Amino acid sequence: MIEVIKYLAKMENASLDEVISIAANSKSEKRGSFDKKTFLEKVIENDNQ
């Protein structure tokens, strides 16, 4: 998985360290992380927006 993430970072002209930093600082604050072993099972989209 690391090799895939490194390649995707390269495609976005970013380093692996930048990707890790962004993930650590923004995503987990907004949406949570796997620290509590909680995961998303389903997404229901509302078409009435």
N, C-alpha and C. Protein backbone atom coordinates (compact mmCIF):
# COMPACT_ATOMS: atom_id res chain seq x y z
N MET A 1 0.82 -1.18 0.00
CA MET A 1 0.00 0.00 0.00
C MET A 1 0.87 1.25 0.00
N ILE A 2 1.99 1.18 0.68
CA ILE A 2 2.88 2.35 0.73
C ILE A 2 3.34 2.73 -0.66
N GLU A 3 3.69 1.75 -1.48
CA GLU A 3 4.16 2.04 -2.84
C GLU A 3 3.07 2.73 -3.66
N VAL A 4 1.84 2.32 -3.49
CA VAL A 4 0.72 2.96 -4.19
C VAL A 4 0.57 4.41 -3.72
N ILE A 5 0.62 4.62 -2.43
CA ILE A 5 0.49 5.98 -1.87
C ILE A 5 1.65 6.86 -2.35
N LYS A 6 2.86 6.31 -2.37
CA LYS A 6 4.01 7.07 -2.86
C LYS A 6 3.82 7.46 -4.32
N TYR A 7 3.32 6.53 -5.12
CA TYR A 7 3.10 6.82 -6.53
C TYR A 7 2.02 7.89 -6.71
N LEU A 8 0.92 7.78 -5.96
CA LEU A 8 -0.14 8.78 -6.05
C LEU A 8 0.35 10.15 -5.62
N ALA A 9 1.18 10.20 -4.60
CA ALA A 9 1.77 11.47 -4.16
C ALA A 9 2.62 12.05 -5.28
N LYS A 10 3.42 11.21 -5.91
CA LYS A 10 4.27 11.66 -7.01
C LYS A 10 3.43 12.22 -8.15
N MET A 11 2.32 11.58 -8.46
CA MET A 11 1.43 12.05 -9.53
C MET A 11 0.85 13.43 -9.21
N GLU A 12 0.75 13.76 -7.93
CA GLU A 12 0.23 15.07 -7.50
C GLU A 12 1.34 16.05 -7.17
N ASN A 13 2.57 15.69 -7.56
CA ASN A 13 3.75 16.52 -7.27
C ASN A 13 3.90 16.80 -5.79
N ALA A 14 3.66 15.81 -4.98
CA ALA A 14 3.79 15.91 -3.53
C ALA A 14 4.71 14.81 -3.04
N SER A 15 5.23 14.99 -1.85
CA SER A 15 6.06 13.95 -1.25
C SER A 15 5.21 13.09 -0.32
N LEU A 16 5.72 11.94 0.01
CA LEU A 16 5.03 11.08 0.96
C LEU A 16 4.88 11.79 2.29
N ASP A 17 5.90 12.54 2.70
CA ASP A 17 5.82 13.29 3.96
C ASP A 17 4.70 14.32 3.93
N GLU A 18 4.49 14.98 2.78
CA GLU A 18 3.40 15.95 2.67
C GLU A 18 2.04 15.26 2.81
N VAL A 19 1.89 14.11 2.18
CA VAL A 19 0.63 13.36 2.26
C VAL A 19 0.36 12.94 3.69
N ILE A 20 1.37 12.44 4.36
CA ILE A 20 1.22 12.01 5.75
C ILE A 20 0.86 13.19 6.64
N SER A 21 1.51 14.33 6.41
CA SER A 21 1.23 15.53 7.21
C SER A 21 -0.21 16.00 7.02
N ILE A 22 -0.67 16.03 5.78
CA ILE A 22 -2.04 16.45 5.50
C ILE A 22 -3.03 15.49 6.15
N ALA A 23 -2.77 14.21 6.03
CA ALA A 23 -3.67 13.21 6.62
C ALA A 23 -3.70 13.34 8.14
N ALA A 24 -2.56 13.58 8.74
CA ALA A 24 -2.49 13.67 10.20
C ALA A 24 -3.14 14.94 10.73
N ASN A 25 -3.03 16.03 9.98
CA ASN A 25 -3.48 17.32 10.49
C ASN A 25 -4.91 17.70 10.14
N SER A 26 -5.41 17.24 9.03
CA SER A 26 -6.73 17.70 8.65
C SER A 26 -7.79 16.60 8.59
N LYS A 27 -7.49 15.53 7.94
CA LYS A 27 -8.50 14.49 7.76
C LYS A 27 -8.96 13.90 9.07
N SER A 28 -8.03 13.53 9.92
CA SER A 28 -8.43 12.86 11.16
C SER A 28 -9.16 13.82 12.10
N GLU A 29 -8.85 15.11 12.03
CA GLU A 29 -9.58 16.08 12.86
C GLU A 29 -11.02 16.24 12.39
N LYS A 30 -11.22 16.26 11.07
CA LYS A 30 -12.55 16.48 10.51
C LYS A 30 -13.41 15.22 10.52
N ARG A 31 -12.80 14.07 10.18
CA ARG A 31 -13.60 12.87 9.96
C ARG A 31 -13.25 11.72 10.89
N GLY A 32 -12.28 11.91 11.73
CA GLY A 32 -11.89 10.84 12.64
C GLY A 32 -10.81 9.96 12.04
N SER A 33 -10.37 9.01 12.81
CA SER A 33 -9.33 8.11 12.35
C SER A 33 -9.65 6.70 12.84
N PHE A 34 -8.75 5.79 12.64
CA PHE A 34 -8.96 4.40 13.04
C PHE A 34 -8.46 4.13 14.46
N ASP A 35 -8.07 5.17 15.18
CA ASP A 35 -7.57 4.98 16.54
C ASP A 35 -8.57 4.26 17.44
N LYS A 36 -9.84 4.57 17.25
CA LYS A 36 -10.88 3.96 18.08
C LYS A 36 -11.53 2.77 17.38
N LYS A 37 -10.91 2.34 16.27
CA LYS A 37 -11.40 1.21 15.48
C LYS A 37 -12.84 1.43 14.99
N THR A 38 -13.14 2.67 14.64
CA THR A 38 -14.44 3.04 14.10
C THR A 38 -14.28 3.23 12.60
N PHE A 39 -15.21 2.71 11.81
CA PHE A 39 -15.10 2.88 10.38
C PHE A 39 -16.48 3.13 9.78
N LEU A 40 -16.48 3.73 8.61
CA LEU A 40 -17.69 4.08 7.90
C LEU A 40 -18.22 2.84 7.18
N GLU A 41 -19.47 2.52 7.39
CA GLU A 41 -20.07 1.37 6.72
C GLU A 41 -20.87 1.76 5.49
N LYS A 42 -21.53 2.90 5.53
CA LYS A 42 -22.43 3.26 4.45
C LYS A 42 -22.54 4.78 4.33
N VAL A 43 -22.68 5.25 3.11
CA VAL A 43 -22.93 6.65 2.83
C VAL A 43 -24.26 6.75 2.12
N ILE A 44 -25.13 7.59 2.63
CA ILE A 44 -26.43 7.81 2.00
C ILE A 44 -26.44 9.25 1.49
N GLU A 45 -26.59 9.39 0.18
CA GLU A 45 -26.59 10.72 -0.42
C GLU A 45 -28.03 11.22 -0.53
N ASN A 46 -28.19 12.51 -0.24
CA ASN A 46 -29.49 13.15 -0.33
C ASN A 46 -29.55 13.89 -1.65
N ASP A 47 -30.44 13.50 -2.55
CA ASP A 47 -30.56 14.14 -3.86
C ASP A 47 -31.35 15.44 -3.80
N ASN A 48 -31.90 15.79 -2.64
CA ASN A 48 -32.73 16.99 -2.50
C ASN A 48 -31.95 18.21 -2.09
N GLN A 49 -30.73 18.35 -2.54
CA GLN A 49 -29.90 19.50 -2.12
C GLN A 49 -30.11 20.68 -2.99
